[in-house]
PDB file of N, CA and C in Angstrom:
ATOM      1  N   MET A   1      12.386   2.522   5.039  1.00  0.00           N
ATOM      2  CA  MET A   1      11.461   1.427   5.062  1.00  0.00           C
ATOM      3  C   MET A   1      10.381   1.693   4.007  1.00  0.00           C
ATOM      4  N   GLU A   2       9.986   0.658   3.299  1.00  0.00           N
ATOM      5  CA  GLU A   2       8.894   0.784   2.341  1.00  0.00           C
ATOM      6  C   GLU A   2       7.643   0.171   2.944  1.00  0.00           C
ATOM      7  N   VAL A   3       6.575   0.949   2.964  1.00  0.00           N
ATOM      8  CA  VAL A   3       5.293   0.498   3.496  1.00  0.00           C
ATOM      9  C   VAL A   3       4.306   0.444   2.342  1.00  0.00           C
ATOM     10  N   ARG A   4       3.780  -0.736   2.082  1.00  0.00           N
ATOM     11  CA  ARG A   4       2.782  -0.918   1.021  1.00  0.00           C
ATOM     12  C   ARG A   4       1.446  -1.218   1.691  1.00  0.00           C
ATOM     13  N   ILE A   5       0.424  -0.431   1.355  1.00  0.00           N
ATOM     14  CA  ILE A   5      -0.889  -0.578   1.966  1.00  0.00           C
ATOM     15  C   ILE A   5      -1.909  -0.863   0.872  1.00  0.00           C
ATOM     16  N   GLU A   6      -2.585  -2.000   1.015  1.00  0.00           N
ATOM     17  CA  GLU A   6      -3.594  -2.425   0.058  1.00  0.00           C
ATOM     18  C   GLU A   6      -4.893  -2.702   0.791  1.00  0.00           C
ATOM     19  N   LEU A   7      -5.973  -2.694   0.046  1.00  0.00           N
ATOM     20  CA  LEU A   7      -7.249  -3.080   0.630  1.00  0.00           C
ATOM     21  C   LEU A   7      -7.308  -4.602   0.750  1.00  0.00           C
ATOM     22  N   LYS A   8      -7.908  -5.071   1.827  1.00  0.00           N
ATOM     23  CA  LYS A   8      -8.088  -6.510   2.011  1.00  0.00           C
ATOM     24  C   LYS A   8      -9.083  -7.031   0.985  1.00  0.00           C
ATOM     25  N   PRO A   9      -8.985  -8.323   0.662  1.00  0.00           N
ATOM     26  CA  PRO A   9      -9.957  -8.912  -0.258  1.00  0.00           C
ATOM     27  C   PRO A   9     -11.381  -8.708   0.264  1.00  0.00           C
ATOM     28  N   GLY A  10     -12.271  -8.364  -0.647  1.00  0.00           N
ATOM     29  CA  GLY A  10     -13.664  -8.153  -0.281  1.00  0.00           C
ATOM     30  C   GLY A  10     -14.021  -6.709   0.023  1.00  0.00           C
ATOM     31  N   VAL A  11     -13.018  -5.852   0.210  1.00  0.00           N
ATOM     32  CA  VAL A  11     -13.274  -4.433   0.459  1.00  0.00           C
ATOM     33  C   VAL A  11     -13.421  -3.740  -0.898  1.00  0.00           C
ATOM     34  N   ILE A  12     -14.486  -2.983  -1.044  1.00  0.00           N
ATOM     35  CA  ILE A  12     -14.760  -2.299  -2.317  1.00  0.00           C
ATOM     36  C   ILE A  12     -13.670  -1.264  -2.603  1.00  0.00           C
ATOM     37  N   ASP A  13     -13.183  -1.277  -3.844  1.00  0.00           N
ATOM     38  CA  ASP A  13     -12.108  -0.386  -4.273  1.00  0.00           C
ATOM     39  C   ASP A  13     -12.614   0.442  -5.458  1.00  0.00           C
ATOM     40  N   PRO A  14     -13.340   1.539  -5.187  1.00  0.00           N
ATOM     41  CA  PRO A  14     -13.938   2.306  -6.285  1.00  0.00           C
ATOM     42  C   PRO A  14     -12.915   2.888  -7.262  1.00  0.00           C
ATOM     43  N   GLU A  15     -11.757   3.263  -6.778  1.00  0.00           N
ATOM     44  CA  GLU A  15     -10.725   3.801  -7.678  1.00  0.00           C
ATOM     45  C   GLU A  15     -10.287   2.731  -8.678  1.00  0.00           C
ATOM     46  N   ALA A  16     -10.046   1.530  -8.199  1.00  0.00           N
ATOM     47  CA  ALA A  16      -9.641   0.435  -9.077  1.00  0.00           C
ATOM     48  C   ALA A  16     -10.754   0.088 -10.061  1.00  0.00           C
ATOM     49  N   GLU A  17     -12.004   0.101  -9.587  1.00  0.00           N
ATOM     50  CA  GLU A  17     -13.133  -0.191 -10.475  1.00  0.00           C
ATOM     51  C   GLU A  17     -13.218   0.845 -11.592  1.00  0.00           C
ATOM     52  N   SER A  18     -12.987   2.104 -11.264  1.00  0.00           N
ATOM     53  CA  SER A  18     -13.016   3.169 -12.262  1.00  0.00           C
ATOM     54  C   SER A  18     -11.905   2.991 -13.295  1.00  0.00           C
ATOM     55  N   VAL A  19     -10.718   2.663 -12.830  1.00  0.00           N
ATOM     56  CA  VAL A  19      -9.594   2.441 -13.748  1.00  0.00           C
ATOM     57  C   VAL A  19      -9.873   1.238 -14.639  1.00  0.00           C
ATOM     58  N   GLU A  20     -10.384   0.161 -14.040  1.00  0.00           N
ATOM     59  CA  GLU A  20     -10.693  -1.043 -14.815  1.00  0.00           C
ATOM     60  C   GLU A  20     -11.720  -0.727 -15.910  1.00  0.00           C
ATOM     61  N   LYS A  21     -12.760   0.024 -15.568  1.00  0.00           N
ATOM     62  CA  LYS A  21     -13.777   0.410 -16.550  1.00  0.00           C
ATOM     63  C   LYS A  21     -13.167   1.281 -17.647  1.00  0.00           C
ATOM     64  N   SER A  22     -12.330   2.249 -17.259  1.00  0.00           N
ATOM     65  CA  SER A  22     -11.692   3.142 -18.233  1.00  0.00           C
ATOM     66  C   SER A  22     -10.757   2.388 -19.155  1.00  0.00           C
ATOM     67  N   LEU A  23     -10.039   1.410 -18.634  1.00  0.00           N
ATOM     68  CA  LEU A  23      -9.167   0.592 -19.486  1.00  0.00           C
ATOM     69  C   LEU A  23      -9.990  -0.137 -20.544  1.00  0.00           C
ATOM     70  N   GLY A  24     -11.140  -0.643 -20.139  1.00  0.00           N
ATOM     71  CA  GLY A  24     -12.028  -1.297 -21.096  1.00  0.00           C
ATOM     72  C   GLY A  24     -12.497  -0.340 -22.181  1.00  0.00           C
ATOM     73  N   LEU A  25     -12.841   0.879 -21.785  1.00  0.00           N
ATOM     74  CA  LEU A  25     -13.280   1.882 -22.751  1.00  0.00           C
ATOM     75  C   LEU A  25     -12.166   2.273 -23.712  1.00  0.00           C
ATOM     76  N   LEU A  26     -10.924   2.146 -23.255  1.00  0.00           N
ATOM     77  CA  LEU A  26      -9.774   2.451 -24.117  1.00  0.00           C
ATOM     78  C   LEU A  26      -9.379   1.266 -24.990  1.00  0.00           C
ATOM     79  N   GLY A  27     -10.126   0.177 -24.883  1.00  0.00           N
ATOM     80  CA  GLY A  27      -9.811  -1.004 -25.681  1.00  0.00           C
ATOM     81  C   GLY A  27      -8.772  -1.900 -25.037  1.00  0.00           C
ATOM     82  N   LEU A  28      -8.509  -1.698 -23.772  1.00  0.00           N
ATOM     83  CA  LEU A  28      -7.525  -2.506 -23.053  1.00  0.00           C
ATOM     84  C   LEU A  28      -8.226  -3.447 -22.081  1.00  0.00           C
ATOM     85  N   ALA A  29      -9.279  -4.076 -22.542  1.00  0.00           N
ATOM     86  CA  ALA A  29     -10.105  -4.930 -21.690  1.00  0.00           C
ATOM     87  C   ALA A  29      -9.404  -6.229 -21.299  1.00  0.00           C
ATOM     88  N   THR A  30      -8.205  -6.459 -21.810  1.00  0.00           N
ATOM     89  CA  THR A  30      -7.493  -7.692 -21.475  1.00  0.00           C
ATOM     90  C   THR A  30      -6.901  -7.655 -20.064  1.00  0.00           C
ATOM     91  N   VAL A  31      -6.969  -6.494 -19.393  1.00  0.00           N
ATOM     92  CA  VAL A  31      -6.502  -6.399 -18.015  1.00  0.00           C
ATOM     93  C   VAL A  31      -7.583  -7.038 -17.143  1.00  0.00           C
ATOM     94  N   PRO A  32      -7.309  -8.217 -16.545  1.00  0.00           N
ATOM     95  CA  PRO A  32      -8.366  -8.941 -15.845  1.00  0.00           C
ATOM     96  C   PRO A  32      -8.796  -8.321 -14.515  1.00  0.00           C
ATOM     97  N   GLN A  33      -7.901  -7.637 -13.862  1.00  0.00           N
ATOM     98  CA  GLN A  33      -8.243  -7.075 -12.558  1.00  0.00           C
ATOM     99  C   GLN A  33      -7.284  -5.937 -12.225  1.00  0.00           C
ATOM    100  N   VAL A  34      -7.826  -4.905 -11.591  1.00  0.00           N
ATOM    101  CA  VAL A  34      -7.027  -3.767 -11.163  1.00  0.00           C
ATOM    102  C   VAL A  34      -7.189  -3.624  -9.660  1.00  0.00           C
ATOM    103  N   GLU A  35      -6.089  -3.396  -8.965  1.00  0.00           N
ATOM    104  CA  GLU A  35      -6.110  -3.131  -7.535  1.00  0.00           C
ATOM    105  C   GLU A  35      -5.270  -1.893  -7.275  1.00  0.00           C
ATOM    106  N   THR A  36      -5.656  -1.122  -6.275  1.00  0.00           N
ATOM    107  CA  THR A  36      -4.859   0.042  -5.918  1.00  0.00           C
ATOM    108  C   THR A  36      -4.044  -0.259  -4.666  1.00  0.00           C
ATOM    109  N   ALA A  37      -2.955   0.475  -4.528  1.00  0.00           N
ATOM    110  CA  ALA A  37      -2.102   0.363  -3.349  1.00  0.00           C
ATOM    111  C   ALA A  37      -1.420   1.710  -3.141  1.00  0.00           C
ATOM    112  N   ARG A  38      -1.108   1.983  -1.899  1.00  0.00           N
ATOM    113  CA  ARG A  38      -0.310   3.170  -1.574  1.00  0.00           C
ATOM    114  C   ARG A  38       1.037   2.684  -1.081  1.00  0.00           C
ATOM    115  N   ILE A  39       2.082   3.372  -1.500  1.00  0.00           N
ATOM    116  CA  ILE A  39       3.431   3.022  -1.051  1.00  0.00           C
ATOM    117  C   ILE A  39       4.056   4.260  -0.426  1.00  0.00           C
ATOM    118  N   TYR A  40       4.547   4.074   0.787  1.00  0.00           N
ATOM    119  CA  TYR A  40       5.244   5.132   1.505  1.00  0.00           C
ATOM    120  C   TYR A  40       6.682   4.696   1.713  1.00  0.00           C
ATOM    121  N   ASP A  41       7.629   5.564   1.403  1.00  0.00           N
ATOM    122  CA  ASP A  41       9.034   5.333   1.709  1.00  0.00           C
ATOM    123  C   ASP A  41       9.379   6.203   2.915  1.00  0.00           C
ATOM    124  N   LEU A  42       9.634   5.563   4.025  1.00  0.00           N
ATOM    125  CA  LEU A  42       9.965   6.275   5.255  1.00  0.00           C
ATOM    126  C   LEU A  42      11.465   6.144   5.500  1.00  0.00           C
ATOM    127  N   GLU A  43      12.124   7.255   5.663  1.00  0.00           N
ATOM    128  CA  GLU A  43      13.562   7.253   5.908  1.00  0.00           C
ATOM    129  C   GLU A  43      13.822   7.751   7.324  1.00  0.00           C
ATOM    130  N   PHE A  44      14.656   7.014   8.030  1.00  0.00           N
ATOM    131  CA  PHE A  44      15.036   7.359   9.394  1.00  0.00           C
ATOM    132  C   PHE A  44      16.561   7.372   9.487  1.00  0.00           C
ATOM    133  N   PRO A  45      17.196   8.455   9.046  1.00  0.00           N
ATOM    134  CA  PRO A  45      18.665   8.491   9.066  1.00  0.00           C
ATOM    135  C   PRO A  45      19.207   8.517  10.491  1.00  0.00           C
ATOM    136  N   GLY A  46      20.308   7.823  10.661  1.00  0.00           N
ATOM    137  CA  GLY A  46      21.030   7.895  11.931  1.00  0.00           C
ATOM    138  C   GLY A  46      20.480   7.041  13.052  1.00  0.00           C
ATOM    139  N   ILE A  47      19.520   6.131  12.755  1.00  0.00           N
ATOM    140  CA  ILE A  47      19.039   5.249  13.819  1.00  0.00           C
ATOM    141  C   ILE A  47      19.188   3.797  13.372  1.00  0.00           C
ATOM    142  N   SER A  48      19.099   2.889  14.309  1.00  0.00           N
ATOM    143  CA  SER A  48      19.284   1.471  14.009  1.00  0.00           C
ATOM    144  C   SER A  48      18.104   0.934  13.197  1.00  0.00           C
ATOM    145  N   ALA A  49      18.337  -0.181  12.526  1.00  0.00           N
ATOM    146  CA  ALA A  49      17.279  -0.813  11.741  1.00  0.00           C
ATOM    147  C   ALA A  49      16.123  -1.232  12.643  1.00  0.00           C
ATOM    148  N   LYS A  50      16.437  -1.705  13.826  1.00  0.00           N
ATOM    149  CA  LYS A  50      15.400  -2.133  14.760  1.00  0.00           C
ATOM    150  C   LYS A  50      14.526  -0.947  15.178  1.00  0.00           C
ATOM    151  N   GLU A  51      15.137   0.189  15.454  1.00  0.00           N
ATOM    152  CA  GLU A  51      14.386   1.390  15.831  1.00  0.00           C
ATOM    153  C   GLU A  51      13.570   1.911  14.645  1.00  0.00           C
ATOM    154  N   ALA A  52      14.135   1.833  13.445  1.00  0.00           N
ATOM    155  CA  ALA A  52      13.400   2.252  12.249  1.00  0.00           C
ATOM    156  C   ALA A  52      12.165   1.377  12.048  1.00  0.00           C
ATOM    157  N   GLN A  53      12.299   0.080  12.285  1.00  0.00           N
ATOM    158  CA  GLN A  53      11.147  -0.821  12.178  1.00  0.00           C
ATOM    159  C   GLN A  53      10.089  -0.468  13.216  1.00  0.00           C
ATOM    160  N   ARG A  54      10.507  -0.153  14.416  1.00  0.00           N
ATOM    161  CA  ARG A  54       9.566   0.207  15.482  1.00  0.00           C
ATOM    162  C   ARG A  54       8.803   1.480  15.107  1.00  0.00           C
ATOM    163  N   LEU A  55       9.533   2.486  14.629  1.00  0.00           N
ATOM    164  CA  LEU A  55       8.902   3.740  14.243  1.00  0.00           C
ATOM    165  C   LEU A  55       7.974   3.563  13.035  1.00  0.00           C
ATOM    166  N   THR A  56       8.374   2.722  12.118  1.00  0.00           N
ATOM    167  CA  THR A  56       7.535   2.433  10.959  1.00  0.00           C
ATOM    168  C   THR A  56       6.243   1.778  11.402  1.00  0.00           C
ATOM    169  N   ARG A  57       6.333   0.791  12.270  1.00  0.00           N
ATOM    170  CA  ARG A  57       5.143   0.105  12.771  1.00  0.00           C
ATOM    171  C   ARG A  57       4.218   1.085  13.498  1.00  0.00           C
ATOM    172  N   GLU A  58       4.812   1.996  14.261  1.00  0.00           N
ATOM    173  CA  GLU A  58       4.015   2.999  14.959  1.00  0.00           C
ATOM    174  C   GLU A  58       3.287   3.902  13.958  1.00  0.00           C
ATOM    175  N   ALA A  59       3.986   4.319  12.904  1.00  0.00           N
ATOM    176  CA  ALA A  59       3.362   5.164  11.879  1.00  0.00           C
ATOM    177  C   ALA A  59       2.205   4.429  11.204  1.00  0.00           C
ATOM    178  N   VAL A  60       2.410   3.156  10.919  1.00  0.00           N
ATOM    179  CA  VAL A  60       1.356   2.362  10.295  1.00  0.00           C
ATOM    180  C   VAL A  60       0.158   2.252  11.232  1.00  0.00           C
ATOM    181  N   ASP A  61       0.420   1.895  12.464  1.00  0.00           N
ATOM    182  CA  ASP A  61      -0.663   1.677  13.438  1.00  0.00           C
ATOM    183  C   ASP A  61      -1.424   2.947  13.779  1.00  0.00           C
ATOM    184  N   ARG A  62      -0.721   4.060  13.850  1.00  0.00           N
ATOM    185  CA  ARG A  62      -1.350   5.298  14.318  1.00  0.00           C
ATOM    186  C   ARG A  62      -1.891   6.190  13.203  1.00  0.00           C
ATOM    187  N   LEU A  63      -1.385   6.005  11.965  1.00  0.00           N
ATOM    188  CA  LEU A  63      -1.747   6.960  10.924  1.00  0.00           C
ATOM    189  C   LEU A  63      -2.030   6.350   9.551  1.00  0.00           C
ATOM    190  N   LEU A  64      -1.174   5.490   9.086  1.00  0.00           N
ATOM    191  CA  LEU A  64      -1.193   5.116   7.677  1.00  0.00           C
ATOM    192  C   LEU A  64      -2.238   4.084   7.278  1.00  0.00           C
ATOM    193  N   ALA A  65      -2.615   3.194   8.187  1.00  0.00           N
ATOM    194  CA  ALA A  65      -3.492   2.093   7.793  1.00  0.00           C
ATOM    195  C   ALA A  65      -4.584   1.846   8.821  1.00  0.00           C
ATOM    196  N   ASN A  66      -5.687   1.322   8.334  1.00  0.00           N
ATOM    197  CA  ASN A  66      -6.792   0.883   9.174  1.00  0.00           C
ATOM    198  C   ASN A  66      -6.775  -0.647   9.144  1.00  0.00           C
ATOM    199  N   PRO A  67      -6.489  -1.303  10.262  1.00  0.00           N
ATOM    200  CA  PRO A  67      -6.351  -2.764  10.253  1.00  0.00           C
ATOM    201  C   PRO A  67      -7.621  -3.508   9.863  1.00  0.00           C
ATOM    202  N   VAL A  68      -8.760  -2.850   9.909  1.00  0.00           N
ATOM    203  CA  VAL A  68     -10.017  -3.499   9.533  1.00  0.00           C
ATOM    204  C   VAL A  68     -10.092  -3.690   8.019  1.00  0.00           C
ATOM    205  N   ILE A  69      -9.603  -2.726   7.258  1.00  0.00           N
ATOM    206  CA  ILE A  69      -9.747  -2.795   5.795  1.00  0.00           C
ATOM    207  C   ILE A  69      -8.435  -2.916   5.027  1.00  0.00           C
ATOM    208  N   HIS A  70      -7.302  -2.673   5.681  1.00  0.00           N
ATOM    209  CA  HIS A  70      -6.019  -2.688   4.968  1.00  0.00           C
ATOM    210  C   HIS A  70      -5.147  -3.886   5.343  1.00  0.00           C
ATOM    211  N   ARG A  71      -4.378  -4.322   4.383  1.00  0.00           N
ATOM    212  CA  ARG A  71      -3.273  -5.240   4.663  1.00  0.00           C
ATOM    213  C   ARG A  71      -1.997  -4.464   4.384  1.00  0.00           C
ATOM    214  N   VAL A  72      -1.021  -4.683   5.215  1.00  0.00           N
ATOM    215  CA  VAL A  72       0.204  -3.876   5.187  1.00  0.00           C
ATOM    216  C   VAL A  72       1.401  -4.791   4.990  1.00  0.00           C
ATOM    217  N   THR A  73       2.294  -4.370   4.117  1.00  0.00           N
ATOM    218  CA  THR A  73       3.577  -5.044   3.929  1.00  0.00           C
ATOM    219  C   THR A  73       4.670  -4.023   4.166  1.00  0.00           C
ATOM    220  N   VAL A  74       5.611  -4.365   5.033  1.00  0.00           N
ATOM    221  CA  VAL A  74       6.738  -3.483   5.327  1.00  0.00           C
ATOM    222  C   VAL A  74       8.005  -4.214   4.929  1.00  0.00           C
ATOM    223  N   ARG A  75       8.864  -3.528   4.208  1.00  0.00           N
ATOM    224  CA  ARG A  75      10.153  -4.136   3.874  1.00  0.00           C
ATOM    225  C   ARG A  75      11.246  -3.092   4.020  1.00  0.00           C
ATOM    226  N   ARG A  76      12.386  -3.588   4.388  1.00  0.00           N
ATOM    227  CA  ARG A  76      13.542  -2.724   4.548  1.00  0.00           C
ATOM    228  C   ARG A  76      14.158  -2.449   3.191  1.00  0.00           C
ATOM    229  N   MET A  77      14.409  -1.188   2.929  1.00  0.00           N
ATOM    230  CA  MET A  77      15.005  -0.786   1.660  1.00  0.00           C
ATOM    231  C   MET A  77      16.512  -1.006   1.745  1.00  0.00           C
ATOM    232  N   PRO A  78      17.119  -1.420   0.642  1.00  0.00           N
ATOM    233  CA  PRO A  78      18.580  -1.580   0.660  1.00  0.00           C
ATOM    234  C   PRO A  78      19.271  -0.242   0.917  1.00  0.00           C
ATOM    235  N   PRO A  79      20.415  -0.282   1.581  1.00  0.00           N
ATOM    236  CA  PRO A  79      21.127   0.978   1.898  1.00  0.00           C
ATOM    237  C   PRO A  79      21.652   1.675   0.660  1.00  0.00           C
TER     238      PRO A  79
END
């Protein structure tokens, strides 16, 4: 399963701001906006897709994301 975690709109993203500023200093100011995201690939060999989704959701809820500031996208990776 691929888990993509991004900051919700309006949440300050200092890493992205730093990259955006650095791109400008490098003469690449044509990049209008930078956002950061974390991607986790979770593999659950030998279990059903439904169980893998359940375990992925549990990992997201308990460890990987804060629902107050993050938006999460989960997608099943092709076999």
